[in-house]
Amino acid sequence: METFLEVIGWTAIVLLALIGLVAGLVASVVTGGSKGKYIIAGVLGAVAFPFVLAALGVTAVVGAGLLAVLAIGIVGAVLIVALVKAVTGRGDRTRH
C-alpha cells in the first residue's frame, strides 16, 4: 500500500478529496439531502476506491497516471454517494 501512495503522491490524495467534495455537494443539491452526509460519502469514496482497487490487485491503478487515478476517484465517489442514497432512501429530504 505504501508503494501505491508513493506512486500517486499526496497531491493526488488532495485532488481526490476535492473530487469527492464536489461529488457530495452535487449529490446533496440534486437529492435535496444532507450536505454533510453526501460530502463525507463522496470524499471517502473518491479517496478509498483507488486504494481498494490497488489492494485487490488491479495493477493498472498503480501504474496509471494522475488523470486515470482521478477518474477512478470519480467513479468511487459516485458509487459511494449512490450507495448512501439507496440506503437512506426517501427520508433524506430536509424539511423547509
C-alpha atoms as a PDB file:
ATOM      1  CA  MET A   1       0.000   0.000   0.000  1.00  0.00           C
ATOM      2  CA  GLU A   2       2.884   2.362   0.714  1.00  0.00           C
ATOM      3  CA  THR A   3       4.110   1.824  -2.825  1.00  0.00           C
ATOM      4  CA  PHE A   4       0.772   2.926  -4.223  1.00  0.00           C
ATOM      5  CA  LEU A   5       0.815   6.035  -2.053  1.00  0.00           C
ATOM      6  CA  GLU A   6       4.358   6.782  -3.183  1.00  0.00           C
ATOM      7  CA  VAL A   7       3.295   6.402  -6.820  1.00  0.00           C
ATOM      8  CA  ILE A   8       0.273   8.664  -6.722  1.00  0.00           C
ATOM      9  CA  GLY A   9       1.580  11.123  -4.137  1.00  0.00           C
ATOM     10  CA  TRP A  10      -0.093  13.419  -1.665  1.00  0.00           C
ATOM     11  CA  THR A  11      -1.166  15.837  -4.385  1.00  0.00           C
ATOM     12  CA  ALA A  12      -3.384  13.129  -5.837  1.00  0.00           C
ATOM     13  CA  ILE A  13      -4.891  12.444  -2.402  1.00  0.00           C
ATOM     14  CA  VAL A  14      -5.813  16.114  -2.031  1.00  0.00           C
ATOM     15  CA  LEU A  15      -7.261  16.197  -5.552  1.00  0.00           C
ATOM     16  CA  LEU A  16      -9.246  13.031  -4.857  1.00  0.00           C
ATOM     17  CA  ALA A  17     -10.653  14.619  -1.703  1.00  0.00           C
ATOM     18  CA  LEU A  18     -11.682  17.690  -3.696  1.00  0.00           C
ATOM     19  CA  ILE A  19     -13.367  15.481  -6.295  1.00  0.00           C
ATOM     20  CA  GLY A  20     -15.280  13.726  -3.523  1.00  0.00           C
ATOM     21  CA  LEU A  21     -16.259  17.063  -2.017  1.00  0.00           C
ATOM     22  CA  VAL A  22     -17.683  18.258  -5.329  1.00  0.00           C
ATOM     23  CA  ALA A  23     -19.478  14.942  -5.917  1.00  0.00           C
ATOM     24  CA  GLY A  24     -21.026  15.165  -2.448  1.00  0.00           C
ATOM     25  CA  LEU A  25     -22.139  18.755  -2.970  1.00  0.00           C
ATOM     26  CA  VAL A  26     -23.709  17.923  -6.331  1.00  0.00           C
ATOM     27  CA  ALA A  27     -25.481  14.906  -4.844  1.00  0.00           C
ATOM     28  CA  SER A  28     -26.871  16.961  -1.967  1.00  0.00           C
ATOM     29  CA  VAL A  29     -28.188  19.615  -4.356  1.00  0.00           C
ATOM     30  CA  VAL A  30     -29.729  17.060  -6.727  1.00  0.00           C
ATOM     31  CA  THR A  31     -31.356  14.982  -3.995  1.00  0.00           C
ATOM     32  CA  GLY A  32     -32.087  17.770  -1.543  1.00  0.00           C
ATOM     33  CA  GLY A  33     -30.462  15.697   1.170  1.00  0.00           C
ATOM     34  CA  SER A  34     -27.955  16.354   3.906  1.00  0.00           C
ATOM     35  CA  LYS A  35     -24.851  18.098   2.580  1.00  0.00           C
ATOM     36  CA  GLY A  36     -22.608  16.743   5.312  1.00  0.00           C
ATOM     37  CA  LYS A  37     -23.587  13.137   4.729  1.00  0.00           C
ATOM     38  CA  TYR A  38     -23.038  13.291   0.984  1.00  0.00           C
ATOM     39  CA  ILE A  39     -19.787  15.237   1.256  1.00  0.00           C
ATOM     40  CA  ILE A  40     -18.353  12.675   3.670  1.00  0.00           C
ATOM     41  CA  ALA A  41     -19.519   9.819   1.439  1.00  0.00           C
ATOM     42  CA  GLY A  42     -18.062  11.471  -1.660  1.00  0.00           C
ATOM     43  CA  VAL A  43     -14.682  12.130  -0.075  1.00  0.00           C
ATOM     44  CA  LEU A  44     -14.451   8.623   1.381  1.00  0.00           C
ATOM     45  CA  GLY A  45     -15.417   7.047  -1.932  1.00  0.00           C
ATOM     46  CA  ALA A  46     -13.061   9.144  -4.025  1.00  0.00           C
ATOM     47  CA  VAL A  47     -10.056   8.623  -1.754  1.00  0.00           C
ATOM     48  CA  ALA A  48     -10.657   4.972  -0.840  1.00  0.00           C
ATOM     49  CA  PHE A  49     -11.666   3.490  -4.195  1.00  0.00           C
ATOM     50  CA  PRO A  50      -8.222   3.707  -5.867  1.00  0.00           C
ATOM     51  CA  PHE A  51      -6.654   2.116  -2.773  1.00  0.00           C
ATOM     52  CA  VAL A  52      -9.264  -0.645  -2.706  1.00  0.00           C
ATOM     53  CA  LEU A  53      -8.632  -1.465  -6.363  1.00  0.00           C
ATOM     54  CA  ALA A  54      -4.873  -1.495  -5.784  1.00  0.00           C
ATOM     55  CA  ALA A  55      -5.327  -3.776  -2.752  1.00  0.00           C
ATOM     56  CA  LEU A  56      -7.462  -6.136  -4.854  1.00  0.00           C
ATOM     57  CA  GLY A  57      -4.601  -6.461  -7.305  1.00  0.00           C
ATOM     58  CA  VAL A  58      -5.785  -4.171 -10.079  1.00  0.00           C
ATOM     59  CA  THR A  59      -2.258  -3.259 -11.092  1.00  0.00           C
ATOM     60  CA  ALA A  60      -3.414  -0.825 -13.754  1.00  0.00           C
ATOM     61  CA  VAL A  61      -4.305   1.579 -10.951  1.00  0.00           C
ATOM     62  CA  VAL A  62      -0.767   1.577  -9.595  1.00  0.00           C
ATOM     63  CA  GLY A  63       0.782   2.223 -12.990  1.00  0.00           C
ATOM     64  CA  ALA A  64      -1.870   4.669 -14.142  1.00  0.00           C
ATOM     65  CA  GLY A  65      -1.238   8.352 -14.486  1.00  0.00           C
ATOM     66  CA  LEU A  66      -2.757  11.056 -12.348  1.00  0.00           C
ATOM     67  CA  LEU A  67      -5.760  11.583 -14.643  1.00  0.00           C
ATOM     68  CA  ALA A  68      -6.619   7.880 -14.551  1.00  0.00           C
ATOM     69  CA  VAL A  69      -6.423   7.807 -10.754  1.00  0.00           C
ATOM     70  CA  LEU A  70      -8.653  10.893 -10.579  1.00  0.00           C
ATOM     71  CA  ALA A  71     -11.156   9.258 -12.961  1.00  0.00           C
ATOM     72  CA  ILE A  72     -11.191   6.185 -10.716  1.00  0.00           C
ATOM     73  CA  GLY A  73     -11.801   8.525  -7.786  1.00  0.00           C
ATOM     74  CA  ILE A  74     -14.825   9.999  -9.565  1.00  0.00           C
ATOM     75  CA  VAL A  75     -16.233   6.506 -10.049  1.00  0.00           C
ATOM     76  CA  GLY A  76     -15.635   5.695  -6.383  1.00  0.00           C
ATOM     77  CA  ALA A  77     -17.301   8.899  -5.202  1.00  0.00           C
ATOM     78  CA  VAL A  78     -20.354   8.316  -7.383  1.00  0.00           C
ATOM     79  CA  LEU A  79     -20.651   4.691  -6.235  1.00  0.00           C
ATOM     80  CA  ILE A  80     -20.488   5.523  -2.544  1.00  0.00           C
ATOM     81  CA  VAL A  81     -22.839   8.513  -2.836  1.00  0.00           C
ATOM     82  CA  ALA A  82     -25.332   6.332  -4.738  1.00  0.00           C
ATOM     83  CA  LEU A  83     -24.992   3.642  -2.068  1.00  0.00           C
ATOM     84  CA  VAL A  84     -25.668   6.184   0.683  1.00  0.00           C
ATOM     85  CA  LYS A  85     -28.722   7.434  -1.209  1.00  0.00           C
ATOM     86  CA  ALA A  86     -30.006   3.881  -1.676  1.00  0.00           C
ATOM     87  CA  VAL A  87     -29.529   3.036   2.000  1.00  0.00           C
ATOM     88  CA  THR A  88     -31.027   6.249   3.385  1.00  0.00           C
ATOM     89  CA  GLY A  89     -33.910   6.235   0.915  1.00  0.00           C
ATOM     90  CA  ARG A  90     -36.808   8.671   0.931  1.00  0.00           C
ATOM     91  CA  GLY A  91     -36.372  10.035   4.424  1.00  0.00           C
ATOM     92  CA  ASP A  92     -33.327  12.009   3.291  1.00  0.00           C
ATOM     93  CA  ARG A  93     -35.154  15.164   2.207  1.00  0.00           C
ATOM     94  CA  THR A  94     -34.779  18.080   4.545  1.00  0.00           C
ATOM     95  CA  ARG A  95     -37.963  19.898   5.522  1.00  0.00           C
ATOM     96  CA  HIS A  96     -38.314  23.610   4.935  1.00  0.00           C
END
